[in-house]
Amino acid sequence: MKLDSKTLIYSGGHTHERGVGILFDVTTAKSLGSWCPISDKVVIAKLVAKLLNLGIIQVYASTSDREDVEIEKFYEDIEKPKGYLKSQDIIIVMGDFNTKVGDERVEDVGPSGIGALNEREGG
């Protein structure tokens, strides 16, 4: 989908109540080789480059109050895009993992967040 001078790839329902997407500027969109909607929580884009291609896996995780079945499906959906990529491709997994990291220092990390840890802080 074109939005002004940007390109949006989107995976989700027709009512746009759920979904995940990636917005590319004009220059980056020229490198977009392919993309695949995996679910309303995962989409993959493959950018073609001279030396190595770049696979971007964009996610929008369920919150920790969801049923275990939905959480497990999300983790399975994150694994599916690997079949679209080659082993030498650079892979970036990014997005909203709905994780709360807390506000206490843990070893050399933190304090970075607010509130308490999620029940599923490690996935």
C-alpha atoms as a PDB file:
ATOM      1  CA  MET A   1       0.000   0.000   0.000  1.00  0.00           C
ATOM      2  CA  LYS A   2       1.348   3.444  -0.911  1.00  0.00           C
ATOM      3  CA  LEU A   3       0.982   6.215   1.671  1.00  0.00           C
ATOM      4  CA  ASP A   4       2.230   9.524   0.312  1.00  0.00           C
ATOM      5  CA  SER A   5       5.864   8.779  -0.480  1.00  0.00           C
ATOM      6  CA  LYS A   6       6.006   5.706   1.795  1.00  0.00           C
ATOM      7  CA  THR A   7       5.285   1.998   1.212  1.00  0.00           C
ATOM      8  CA  LEU A   8       3.401   0.025   3.871  1.00  0.00           C
ATOM      9  CA  ILE A   9       3.298  -3.750   4.005  1.00  0.00           C
ATOM     10  CA  TYR A  10       0.620  -5.053   6.339  1.00  0.00           C
ATOM     11  CA  SER A  11      -0.548  -8.392   7.700  1.00  0.00           C
ATOM     12  CA  GLY A  12      -3.863  -8.519   9.516  1.00  0.00           C
ATOM     13  CA  GLY A  13      -7.604  -8.528   9.230  1.00  0.00           C
ATOM     14  CA  HIS A  14      -9.704  -6.670   6.712  1.00  0.00           C
ATOM     15  CA  THR A  15     -11.159  -4.406   9.391  1.00  0.00           C
ATOM     16  CA  HIS A  16      -7.650  -3.271  10.423  1.00  0.00           C
ATOM     17  CA  GLU A  17      -8.462  -3.865  14.089  1.00  0.00           C
ATOM     18  CA  ARG A  18      -5.499  -6.223  14.464  1.00  0.00           C
ATOM     19  CA  GLY A  19      -2.318  -6.466  12.518  1.00  0.00           C
ATOM     20  CA  VAL A  20       1.320  -5.671  12.090  1.00  0.00           C
ATOM     21  CA  GLY A  21       3.162  -3.719   9.431  1.00  0.00           C
ATOM     22  CA  ILE A  22       6.390  -2.178   8.245  1.00  0.00           C
ATOM     23  CA  LEU A  23       6.620   1.307   6.725  1.00  0.00           C
ATOM     24  CA  PHE A  24       9.419   1.936   4.201  1.00  0.00           C
ATOM     25  CA  ASP A  25      10.701   5.209   2.833  1.00  0.00           C
ATOM     26  CA  VAL A  26      11.116   5.641  -0.948  1.00  0.00           C
ATOM     27  CA  THR A  27      14.767   4.572  -1.074  1.00  0.00           C
ATOM     28  CA  THR A  28      14.343   1.469   1.073  1.00  0.00           C
ATOM     29  CA  ALA A  29      11.157   0.421  -0.749  1.00  0.00           C
ATOM     30  CA  LYS A  30      13.194   0.138  -3.956  1.00  0.00           C
ATOM     31  CA  SER A  31      15.118  -2.728  -2.297  1.00  0.00           C
ATOM     32  CA  LEU A  32      11.972  -4.601  -1.258  1.00  0.00           C
ATOM     33  CA  GLY A  33      12.327  -7.953  -3.009  1.00  0.00           C
ATOM     34  CA  SER A  34       9.364  -9.755  -1.468  1.00  0.00           C
ATOM     35  CA  TRP A  35       7.168  -9.877   1.580  1.00  0.00           C
ATOM     36  CA  CYS A  36       4.856 -12.405   3.165  1.00  0.00           C
ATOM     37  CA  PRO A  37       2.059 -12.017   5.695  1.00  0.00           C
ATOM     38  CA  ILE A  38       2.407 -14.827   8.255  1.00  0.00           C
ATOM     39  CA  SER A  39      -0.422 -13.873  10.628  1.00  0.00           C
ATOM     40  CA  ASP A  40      -2.013 -10.804  12.181  1.00  0.00           C
ATOM     41  CA  LYS A  41       0.984 -10.779  14.532  1.00  0.00           C
ATOM     42  CA  VAL A  42       3.917 -11.523  12.175  1.00  0.00           C
ATOM     43  CA  VAL A  43       4.986 -10.211   8.756  1.00  0.00           C
ATOM     44  CA  ILE A  44       8.279 -10.675   6.915  1.00  0.00           C
ATOM     45  CA  ALA A  45       9.967  -8.430   4.343  1.00  0.00           C
ATOM     46  CA  LYS A  46      13.040  -9.337   2.318  1.00  0.00           C
ATOM     47  CA  LEU A  47      15.289  -6.507   1.172  1.00  0.00           C
ATOM     48  CA  VAL A  48      17.681  -7.269  -1.678  1.00  0.00           C
ATOM     49  CA  ALA A  49      21.211  -5.923  -1.301  1.00  0.00           C
ATOM     50  CA  LYS A  50      24.503  -6.307  -3.170  1.00  0.00           C
ATOM     51  CA  LEU A  51      26.309  -8.654  -0.777  1.00  0.00           C
ATOM     52  CA  LEU A  52      23.736 -10.038   1.631  1.00  0.00           C
ATOM     53  CA  ASN A  53      19.952  -9.815   1.684  1.00  0.00           C
ATOM     54  CA  LEU A  54      18.152  -8.567   4.755  1.00  0.00           C
ATOM     55  CA  GLY A  55      15.122 -10.314   6.245  1.00  0.00           C
ATOM     56  CA  ILE A  56      12.974  -8.203   8.559  1.00  0.00           C
ATOM     57  CA  ILE A  57      10.535 -10.097  10.756  1.00  0.00           C
ATOM     58  CA  GLN A  58       8.130  -7.585  12.308  1.00  0.00           C
ATOM     59  CA  VAL A  59       6.051  -8.823  15.244  1.00  0.00           C
ATOM     60  CA  TYR A  60       3.284  -7.686  17.529  1.00  0.00           C
ATOM     61  CA  ALA A  61       3.106 -10.080  20.480  1.00  0.00           C
ATOM     62  CA  SER A  62       0.060 -10.956  22.500  1.00  0.00           C
ATOM     63  CA  THR A  63      -0.032  -9.651  26.027  1.00  0.00           C
ATOM     64  CA  SER A  64       0.688 -12.045  28.889  1.00  0.00           C
ATOM     65  CA  ASP A  65      -2.998 -12.211  29.839  1.00  0.00           C
ATOM     66  CA  ARG A  66      -3.820 -14.187  26.650  1.00  0.00           C
ATOM     67  CA  GLU A  67      -4.429 -17.919  26.616  1.00  0.00           C
ATOM     68  CA  ASP A  68      -1.365 -20.169  26.384  1.00  0.00           C
ATOM     69  CA  VAL A  69      -2.575 -21.508  23.015  1.00  0.00           C
ATOM     70  CA  GLU A  70      -2.471 -18.008  21.490  1.00  0.00           C
ATOM     71  CA  ILE A  71       0.971 -17.330  22.966  1.00  0.00           C
ATOM     72  CA  GLU A  72       2.345 -20.630  21.606  1.00  0.00           C
ATOM     73  CA  LYS A  73       0.895 -19.890  18.130  1.00  0.00           C
ATOM     74  CA  PHE A  74       2.696 -16.546  18.172  1.00  0.00           C
ATOM     75  CA  TYR A  75       6.029 -18.244  18.898  1.00  0.00           C
ATOM     76  CA  GLU A  76       5.376 -20.755  16.097  1.00  0.00           C
ATOM     77  CA  ASP A  77       4.563 -17.873  13.718  1.00  0.00           C
ATOM     78  CA  ILE A  78       7.931 -16.256  14.494  1.00  0.00           C
ATOM     79  CA  GLU A  79       9.669 -19.450  13.333  1.00  0.00           C
ATOM     80  CA  LYS A  80       7.779 -19.660   9.997  1.00  0.00           C
ATOM     81  CA  PRO A  81       9.605 -16.789   8.235  1.00  0.00           C
ATOM     82  CA  LYS A  82      12.916 -18.628   8.488  1.00  0.00           C
ATOM     83  CA  GLY A  83      11.686 -20.830   5.625  1.00  0.00           C
ATOM     84  CA  TYR A  84      11.578 -17.740   3.375  1.00  0.00           C
ATOM     85  CA  LEU A  85      15.162 -16.773   4.114  1.00  0.00           C
ATOM     86  CA  LYS A  86      18.555 -18.225   3.240  1.00  0.00           C
ATOM     87  CA  SER A  87      21.080 -19.084   5.925  1.00  0.00           C
ATOM     88  CA  GLN A  88      23.393 -16.286   4.772  1.00  0.00           C
ATOM     89  CA  ASP A  89      20.658 -13.616   4.942  1.00  0.00           C
ATOM     90  CA  ILE A  90      20.888 -11.094   7.754  1.00  0.00           C
ATOM     91  CA  ILE A  91      17.789 -11.482   9.926  1.00  0.00           C
ATOM     92  CA  ILE A  92      16.321  -8.780  12.131  1.00  0.00           C
ATOM     93  CA  VAL A  93      13.420  -9.630  14.436  1.00  0.00           C
ATOM     94  CA  MET A  94      11.795  -6.479  15.742  1.00  0.00           C
ATOM     95  CA  GLY A  95       8.514  -5.138  16.991  1.00  0.00           C
ATOM     96  CA  ASP A  96       6.354  -4.935  20.081  1.00  0.00           C
ATOM     97  CA  PHE A  97       6.910  -7.978  22.293  1.00  0.00           C
ATOM     98  CA  ASN A  98       4.620  -6.601  25.030  1.00  0.00           C
ATOM     99  CA  THR A  99       7.295  -7.231  27.623  1.00  0.00           C
ATOM    100  CA  LYS A 100       7.624  -5.324  30.848  1.00  0.00           C
ATOM    101  CA  VAL A 101      11.234  -5.332  31.973  1.00  0.00           C
ATOM    102  CA  GLY A 102      10.702  -3.838  35.408  1.00  0.00           C
ATOM    103  CA  ASP A 103      12.552  -1.022  37.086  1.00  0.00           C
ATOM    104  CA  GLU A 104      15.209  -2.922  39.049  1.00  0.00           C
ATOM    105  CA  ARG A 105      18.840  -3.382  38.061  1.00  0.00           C
ATOM    106  CA  VAL A 106      19.662  -6.965  37.031  1.00  0.00           C
ATOM    107  CA  GLU A 107      23.421  -7.587  36.928  1.00  0.00           C
ATOM    108  CA  ASP A 108      24.810  -4.986  34.483  1.00  0.00           C
ATOM    109  CA  VAL A 109      21.453  -4.094  32.909  1.00  0.00           C
ATOM    110  CA  GLY A 110      18.862  -1.565  34.003  1.00  0.00           C
ATOM    111  CA  PRO A 111      17.120   0.143  35.449  1.00  0.00           C
ATOM    112  CA  SER A 112      15.425   0.647  32.099  1.00  0.00           C
ATOM    113  CA  GLY A 113      11.719   0.078  32.487  1.00  0.00           C
ATOM    114  CA  ILE A 114       8.810   0.841  34.711  1.00  0.00           C
ATOM    115  CA  GLY A 115       6.527  -1.354  36.764  1.00  0.00           C
ATOM    116  CA  ALA A 116       6.875  -5.071  37.355  1.00  0.00           C
ATOM    117  CA  LEU A 117       8.084  -7.893  35.091  1.00  0.00           C
ATOM    118  CA  ASN A 118       5.581  -9.777  32.908  1.00  0.00           C
ATOM    119  CA  GLU A 119       4.886 -13.383  33.797  1.00  0.00           C
ATOM    120  CA  ARG A 120       6.364 -14.267  30.395  1.00  0.00           C
ATOM    121  CA  GLU A 121       9.346 -11.916  30.473  1.00  0.00           C
ATOM    122  CA  GLY A 122      11.641 -14.476  28.826  1.00  0.00           C
ATOM    123  CA  GLY A 123       9.202 -15.852  26.254  1.00  0.00           C
END
